[in-house]
Amino acid sequence: MKKIMRRSDNIHSFLDSLTYWQTINLFTVLNVGQNDVPFSEAKEQAMLDFADTKKLEFLLEQALNSPDPKM
């Protein structure tokens, strides 16, 4: 019988599979789209927040579950 993964498990697995630069790029794109900040500022912030997995998880959950995505 196939194990059914919860959404949070899927997100954790996805984020764990990313390389450093993939994580930075995802963080950057989510920051630009959701917080309406310039790309260079979002990239700098992504590099500072790289280790903050909760913040990245929140931004990704928000993007995936928003009824009115900004981007």
PDB file of N, CA and C in Angstrom:
ATOM      1  N   MET A   1       0.847  -1.183   0.000  1.00  0.00           N
ATOM      2  CA  MET A   1       0.000   0.000   0.000  1.00  0.00           C
ATOM      3  C   MET A   1       0.892   1.246   0.000  1.00  0.00           C
ATOM      4  N   LYS A   2       0.580   2.169  -0.861  1.00  0.00           N
ATOM      5  CA  LYS A   2       1.381   3.384  -0.989  1.00  0.00           C
ATOM      6  C   LYS A   2       1.110   4.333   0.174  1.00  0.00           C
ATOM      7  N   LYS A   3       2.200   4.830   0.747  1.00  0.00           N
ATOM      8  CA  LYS A   3       2.075   5.784   1.849  1.00  0.00           C
ATOM      9  C   LYS A   3       1.645   7.142   1.290  1.00  0.00           C
ATOM     10  N   ILE A   4       0.655   7.726   1.903  1.00  0.00           N
ATOM     11  CA  ILE A   4       0.175   9.048   1.494  1.00  0.00           C
ATOM     12  C   ILE A   4       0.935  10.096   2.297  1.00  0.00           C
ATOM     13  N   MET A   5       1.621  10.986   1.579  1.00  0.00           N
ATOM     14  CA  MET A   5       2.385  12.035   2.248  1.00  0.00           C
ATOM     15  C   MET A   5       1.504  13.259   2.472  1.00  0.00           C
ATOM     16  N   ARG A   6       1.655  13.862   3.622  1.00  0.00           N
ATOM     17  CA  ARG A   6       0.947  15.117   3.883  1.00  0.00           C
ATOM     18  C   ARG A   6       1.643  16.240   3.127  1.00  0.00           C
ATOM     19  N   ARG A   7       0.936  17.304   2.896  1.00  0.00           N
ATOM     20  CA  ARG A   7       1.476  18.443   2.151  1.00  0.00           C
ATOM     21  C   ARG A   7       2.760  18.962   2.783  1.00  0.00           C
ATOM     22  N   SER A   8       2.791  19.076   4.102  1.00  0.00           N
ATOM     23  CA  SER A   8       3.997  19.594   4.756  1.00  0.00           C
ATOM     24  C   SER A   8       5.185  18.659   4.539  1.00  0.00           C
ATOM     25  N   ASP A   9       4.928  17.340   4.487  1.00  0.00           N
ATOM     26  CA  ASP A   9       6.003  16.385   4.213  1.00  0.00           C
ATOM     27  C   ASP A   9       6.538  16.593   2.800  1.00  0.00           C
ATOM     28  N   ASN A  10       5.644  16.831   1.856  1.00  0.00           N
ATOM     29  CA  ASN A  10       6.048  17.076   0.472  1.00  0.00           C
ATOM     30  C   ASN A  10       6.901  18.335   0.371  1.00  0.00           C
ATOM     31  N   ILE A  11       6.504  19.375   1.064  1.00  0.00           N
ATOM     32  CA  ILE A  11       7.251  20.631   1.031  1.00  0.00           C
ATOM     33  C   ILE A  11       8.625  20.448   1.661  1.00  0.00           C
ATOM     34  N   HIS A  12       8.686  19.749   2.794  1.00  0.00           N
ATOM     35  CA  HIS A  12       9.979  19.492   3.432  1.00  0.00           C
ATOM     36  C   HIS A  12      10.882  18.683   2.508  1.00  0.00           C
ATOM     37  N   SER A  13      10.339  17.666   1.880  1.00  0.00           N
ATOM     38  CA  SER A  13      11.132  16.844   0.957  1.00  0.00           C
ATOM     39  C   SER A  13      11.643  17.674  -0.206  1.00  0.00           C
ATOM     40  N   PHE A  14      10.762  18.517  -0.748  1.00  0.00           N
ATOM     41  CA  PHE A  14      11.156  19.378  -1.860  1.00  0.00           C
ATOM     42  C   PHE A  14      12.271  20.329  -1.450  1.00  0.00           C
ATOM     43  N   LEU A  15      12.098  21.022  -0.342  1.00  0.00           N
ATOM     44  CA  LEU A  15      13.104  21.985   0.109  1.00  0.00           C
ATOM     45  C   LEU A  15      14.421  21.298   0.454  1.00  0.00           C
ATOM     46  N   ASP A  16      14.349  20.115   1.029  1.00  0.00           N
ATOM     47  CA  ASP A  16      15.568  19.366   1.363  1.00  0.00           C
ATOM     48  C   ASP A  16      16.333  18.920   0.117  1.00  0.00           C
ATOM     49  N   SER A  17      15.637  18.803  -1.000  1.00  0.00           N
ATOM     50  CA  SER A  17      16.280  18.325  -2.224  1.00  0.00           C
ATOM     51  C   SER A  17      17.007  19.432  -2.995  1.00  0.00           C
ATOM     52  N   LEU A  18      16.801  20.682  -2.606  1.00  0.00           N
ATOM     53  CA  LEU A  18      17.383  21.804  -3.341  1.00  0.00           C
ATOM     54  C   LEU A  18      18.847  22.030  -2.984  1.00  0.00           C
ATOM     55  N   THR A  19      19.612  22.461  -3.975  1.00  0.00           N
ATOM     56  CA  THR A  19      20.993  22.865  -3.733  1.00  0.00           C
ATOM     57  C   THR A  19      20.986  24.259  -3.110  1.00  0.00           C
ATOM     58  N   TYR A  20      22.172  24.711  -2.717  1.00  0.00           N
ATOM     59  CA  TYR A  20      22.287  26.053  -2.137  1.00  0.00           C
ATOM     60  C   TYR A  20      21.722  27.113  -3.093  1.00  0.00           C
ATOM     61  N   TRP A  21      22.171  27.106  -4.348  1.00  0.00           N
ATOM     62  CA  TRP A  21      21.742  28.141  -5.289  1.00  0.00           C
ATOM     63  C   TRP A  21      20.273  28.007  -5.675  1.00  0.00           C
ATOM     64  N   GLN A  22      19.764  26.810  -5.718  1.00  0.00           N
ATOM     65  CA  GLN A  22      18.337  26.629  -5.986  1.00  0.00           C
ATOM     66  C   GLN A  22      17.514  27.216  -4.842  1.00  0.00           C
ATOM     67  N   THR A  23      17.990  27.022  -3.626  1.00  0.00           N
ATOM     68  CA  THR A  23      17.300  27.577  -2.464  1.00  0.00           C
ATOM     69  C   THR A  23      17.338  29.106  -2.497  1.00  0.00           C
ATOM     70  N   ILE A  24      18.498  29.669  -2.795  1.00  0.00           N
ATOM     71  CA  ILE A  24      18.632  31.127  -2.890  1.00  0.00           C
ATOM     72  C   ILE A  24      17.700  31.674  -3.967  1.00  0.00           C
ATOM     73  N   ASN A  25      17.687  31.023  -5.128  1.00  0.00           N
ATOM     74  CA  ASN A  25      16.829  31.489  -6.224  1.00  0.00           C
ATOM     75  C   ASN A  25      15.354  31.392  -5.873  1.00  0.00           C
ATOM     76  N   LEU A  26      14.936  30.315  -5.221  1.00  0.00           N
ATOM     77  CA  LEU A  26      13.539  30.182  -4.807  1.00  0.00           C
ATOM     78  C   LEU A  26      13.181  31.258  -3.804  1.00  0.00           C
ATOM     79  N   PHE A  27      14.025  31.451  -2.801  1.00  0.00           N
ATOM     80  CA  PHE A  27      13.828  32.508  -1.810  1.00  0.00           C
ATOM     81  C   PHE A  27      13.693  33.865  -2.499  1.00  0.00           C
ATOM     82  N   THR A  28      14.574  34.133  -3.459  1.00  0.00           N
ATOM     83  CA  THR A  28      14.576  35.418  -4.169  1.00  0.00           C
ATOM     84  C   THR A  28      13.270  35.625  -4.924  1.00  0.00           C
ATOM     85  N   VAL A  29      12.873  34.642  -5.686  1.00  0.00           N
ATOM     86  CA  VAL A  29      11.648  34.756  -6.493  1.00  0.00           C
ATOM     87  C   VAL A  29      10.421  34.934  -5.593  1.00  0.00           C
ATOM     88  N   LEU A  30      10.365  34.190  -4.512  1.00  0.00           N
ATOM     89  CA  LEU A  30       9.227  34.320  -3.602  1.00  0.00           C
ATOM     90  C   LEU A  30       9.205  35.691  -2.935  1.00  0.00           C
ATOM     91  N   ASN A  31      10.384  36.202  -2.555  1.00  0.00           N
ATOM     92  CA  ASN A  31      10.444  37.538  -1.951  1.00  0.00           C
ATOM     93  C   ASN A  31      10.027  38.620  -2.932  1.00  0.00           C
ATOM     94  N   VAL A  32      10.490  38.528  -4.159  1.00  0.00           N
ATOM     95  CA  VAL A  32      10.119  39.524  -5.178  1.00  0.00           C
ATOM     96  C   VAL A  32       8.606  39.506  -5.399  1.00  0.00           C
ATOM     97  N   GLY A  33       8.063  38.315  -5.561  1.00  0.00           N
ATOM     98  CA  GLY A  33       6.644  38.182  -5.871  1.00  0.00           C
ATOM     99  C   GLY A  33       5.709  38.534  -4.735  1.00  0.00           C
ATOM    100  N   GLN A  34       6.072  38.160  -3.536  1.00  0.00           N
ATOM    101  CA  GLN A  34       5.160  38.340  -2.416  1.00  0.00           C
ATOM    102  C   GLN A  34       5.366  39.624  -1.634  1.00  0.00           C
ATOM    103  N   ASN A  35       6.580  40.146  -1.662  1.00  0.00           N
ATOM    104  CA  ASN A  35       6.880  41.328  -0.855  1.00  0.00           C
ATOM    105  C   ASN A  35       7.145  42.572  -1.690  1.00  0.00           C
ATOM    106  N   ASP A  36       7.061  42.430  -3.009  1.00  0.00           N
ATOM    107  CA  ASP A  36       7.220  43.550  -3.924  1.00  0.00           C
ATOM    108  C   ASP A  36       8.497  44.347  -3.645  1.00  0.00           C
ATOM    109  N   VAL A  37       9.622  43.637  -3.585  1.00  0.00           N
ATOM    110  CA  VAL A  37      10.924  44.269  -3.385  1.00  0.00           C
ATOM    111  C   VAL A  37      11.753  44.097  -4.652  1.00  0.00           C
ATOM    112  N   PRO A  38      12.722  44.963  -4.875  1.00  0.00           N
ATOM    113  CA  PRO A  38      13.583  44.831  -6.051  1.00  0.00           C
ATOM    114  C   PRO A  38      14.373  43.521  -6.007  1.00  0.00           C
ATOM    115  N   PHE A  39      14.706  43.007  -7.190  1.00  0.00           N
ATOM    116  CA  PHE A  39      15.406  41.734  -7.302  1.00  0.00           C
ATOM    117  C   PHE A  39      16.702  41.721  -6.504  1.00  0.00           C
ATOM    118  N   SER A  40      17.519  42.756  -6.640  1.00  0.00           N
ATOM    119  CA  SER A  40      18.823  42.767  -5.948  1.00  0.00           C
ATOM    120  C   SER A  40      18.645  42.726  -4.432  1.00  0.00           C
ATOM    121  N   GLU A  41      17.659  43.440  -3.929  1.00  0.00           N
ATOM    122  CA  GLU A  41      17.386  43.431  -2.489  1.00  0.00           C
ATOM    123  C   GLU A  41      16.876  42.054  -2.044  1.00  0.00           C
ATOM    124  N   ALA A  42      16.019  41.455  -2.854  1.00  0.00           N
ATOM    125  CA  ALA A  42      15.474  40.139  -2.526  1.00  0.00           C
ATOM    126  C   ALA A  42      16.573  39.076  -2.525  1.00  0.00           C
ATOM    127  N   LYS A  43      17.505  39.171  -3.475  1.00  0.00           N
ATOM    128  CA  LYS A  43      18.603  38.194  -3.540  1.00  0.00           C
ATOM    129  C   LYS A  43      19.523  38.348  -2.323  1.00  0.00           C
ATOM    130  N   GLU A  44      19.827  39.579  -1.968  1.00  0.00           N
ATOM    131  CA  GLU A  44      20.662  39.822  -0.785  1.00  0.00           C
ATOM    132  C   GLU A  44      19.986  39.274   0.470  1.00  0.00           C
ATOM    133  N   GLN A  45      18.688  39.525   0.594  1.00  0.00           N
ATOM    134  CA  GLN A  45      17.940  39.026   1.747  1.00  0.00           C
ATOM    135  C   GLN A  45      17.898  37.502   1.759  1.00  0.00           C
ATOM    136  N   ALA A  46      17.762  36.899   0.590  1.00  0.00           N
ATOM    137  CA  ALA A  46      17.744  35.437   0.490  1.00  0.00           C
ATOM    138  C   ALA A  46      19.054  34.841   0.988  1.00  0.00           C
ATOM    139  N   MET A  47      20.167  35.480   0.660  1.00  0.00           N
ATOM    140  CA  MET A  47      21.463  34.979   1.106  1.00  0.00           C
ATOM    141  C   MET A  47      21.606  35.115   2.624  1.00  0.00           C
ATOM    142  N   LEU A  48      21.045  36.155   3.183  1.00  0.00           N
ATOM    143  CA  LEU A  48      21.089  36.335   4.632  1.00  0.00           C
ATOM    144  C   LEU A  48      20.170  35.346   5.345  1.00  0.00           C
ATOM    145  N   ASP A  49      19.030  35.038   4.719  1.00  0.00           N
ATOM    146  CA  ASP A  49      18.020  34.172   5.336  1.00  0.00           C
ATOM    147  C   ASP A  49      18.151  32.706   4.948  1.00  0.00           C
ATOM    148  N   PHE A  50      19.211  32.345   4.248  1.00  0.00           N
ATOM    149  CA  PHE A  50      19.364  30.991   3.726  1.00  0.00           C
ATOM    150  C   PHE A  50      19.079  29.906   4.772  1.00  0.00           C
ATOM    151  N   ALA A  51      19.576  30.073   5.963  1.00  0.00           N
ATOM    152  CA  ALA A  51      19.427  29.050   7.001  1.00  0.00           C
ATOM    153  C   ALA A  51      18.060  29.076   7.680  1.00  0.00           C
ATOM    154  N   ASP A  52      17.263  30.091   7.408  1.00  0.00           N
ATOM    155  CA  ASP A  52      15.947  30.216   8.038  1.00  0.00           C
ATOM    156  C   ASP A  52      14.924  29.405   7.243  1.00  0.00           C
ATOM    157  N   THR A  53      14.921  28.108   7.471  1.00  0.00           N
ATOM    158  CA  THR A  53      14.044  27.230   6.697  1.00  0.00           C
ATOM    159  C   THR A  53      12.568  27.496   6.977  1.00  0.00           C
ATOM    160  N   LYS A  54      12.259  27.951   8.162  1.00  0.00           N
ATOM    161  CA  LYS A  54      10.853  28.251   8.495  1.00  0.00           C
ATOM    162  C   LYS A  54      10.330  29.406   7.649  1.00  0.00           C
ATOM    163  N   LYS A  55      11.167  30.402   7.418  1.00  0.00           N
ATOM    164  CA  LYS A  55      10.756  31.542   6.610  1.00  0.00           C
ATOM    165  C   LYS A  55      10.519  31.118   5.159  1.00  0.00           C
ATOM    166  N   LEU A  56      11.427  30.312   4.622  1.00  0.00           N
ATOM    167  CA  LEU A  56      11.263  29.831   3.254  1.00  0.00           C
ATOM    168  C   LEU A  56      10.034  28.948   3.144  1.00  0.00           C
ATOM    169  N   GLU A  57       9.840  28.096   4.114  1.00  0.00           N
ATOM    170  CA  GLU A  57       8.659  27.220   4.119  1.00  0.00           C
ATOM    171  C   GLU A  57       7.380  28.059   4.149  1.00  0.00           C
ATOM    172  N   PHE A  58       7.363  29.109   4.975  1.00  0.00           N
ATOM    173  CA  PHE A  58       6.197  29.988   5.055  1.00  0.00           C
ATOM    174  C   PHE A  58       5.923  30.652   3.710  1.00  0.00           C
ATOM    175  N   LEU A  59       6.957  31.209   3.072  1.00  0.00           N
ATOM    176  CA  LEU A  59       6.775  31.871   1.785  1.00  0.00           C
ATOM    177  C   LEU A  59       6.262  30.902   0.722  1.00  0.00           C
ATOM    178  N   LEU A  60       6.783  29.688   0.730  1.00  0.00           N
ATOM    179  CA  LEU A  60       6.349  28.687  -0.240  1.00  0.00           C
ATOM    180  C   LEU A  60       4.912  28.265   0.025  1.00  0.00           C
ATOM    181  N   GLU A  61       4.571  28.011   1.271  1.00  0.00           N
ATOM    182  CA  GLU A  61       3.186  27.660   1.626  1.00  0.00           C
ATOM    183  C   GLU A  61       2.234  28.774   1.214  1.00  0.00           C
ATOM    184  N   GLN A  62       2.637  30.003   1.462  1.00  0.00           N
ATOM    185  CA  GLN A  62       1.809  31.157   1.115  1.00  0.00           C
ATOM    186  C   GLN A  62       1.595  31.222  -0.391  1.00  0.00           C
ATOM    187  N   ALA A  63       2.645  30.987  -1.156  1.00  0.00           N
ATOM    188  CA  ALA A  63       2.538  31.028  -2.616  1.00  0.00           C
ATOM    189  C   ALA A  63       1.658  29.896  -3.134  1.00  0.00           C
ATOM    190  N   LEU A  64       1.791  28.728  -2.543  1.00  0.00           N
ATOM    191  CA  LEU A  64       1.035  27.570  -3.023  1.00  0.00           C
ATOM    192  C   LEU A  64      -0.430  27.609  -2.622  1.00  0.00           C
ATOM    193  N   ASN A  65      -0.741  28.217  -1.492  1.00  0.00           N
ATOM    194  CA  ASN A  65      -2.096  28.154  -0.953  1.00  0.00           C
ATOM    195  C   ASN A  65      -2.884  29.452  -1.056  1.00  0.00           C
ATOM    196  N   SER A  66      -2.293  30.468  -1.630  1.00  0.00           N
ATOM    197  CA  SER A  66      -2.982  31.750  -1.723  1.00  0.00           C
ATOM    198  C   SER A  66      -4.092  31.686  -2.776  1.00  0.00           C
ATOM    199  N   PRO A  67      -5.274  32.169  -2.428  1.00  0.00           N
ATOM    200  CA  PRO A  67      -6.348  32.185  -3.431  1.00  0.00           C
ATOM    201  C   PRO A  67      -6.125  33.267  -4.496  1.00  0.00           C
ATOM    202  N   ASP A  68      -5.250  34.218  -4.197  1.00  0.00           N
ATOM    203  CA  ASP A  68      -4.971  35.310  -5.130  1.00  0.00           C
ATOM    204  C   ASP A  68      -3.469  35.547  -5.180  1.00  0.00           C
ATOM    205  N   PRO A  69      -2.714  34.636  -5.825  1.00  0.00           N
ATOM    206  CA  PRO A  69      -1.250  34.805  -5.844  1.00  0.00           C
ATOM    207  C   PRO A  69      -0.861  36.090  -6.563  1.00  0.00           C
ATOM    208  N   LYS A  70       0.221  36.699  -6.074  1.00  0.00           N
ATOM    209  CA  LYS A  70       0.687  37.962  -6.644  1.00  0.00           C
ATOM    210  C   LYS A  70       1.529  37.760  -7.867  1.00  0.00           C
ATOM    211  N   MET A  71       2.086  36.577  -8.041  1.00  0.00           N
ATOM    212  CA  MET A  71       2.999  36.357  -9.150  1.00  0.00           C
ATOM    213  C   MET A  71       2.594  35.161  -9.953  1.00  0.00           C
TER     214      MET A  71
END
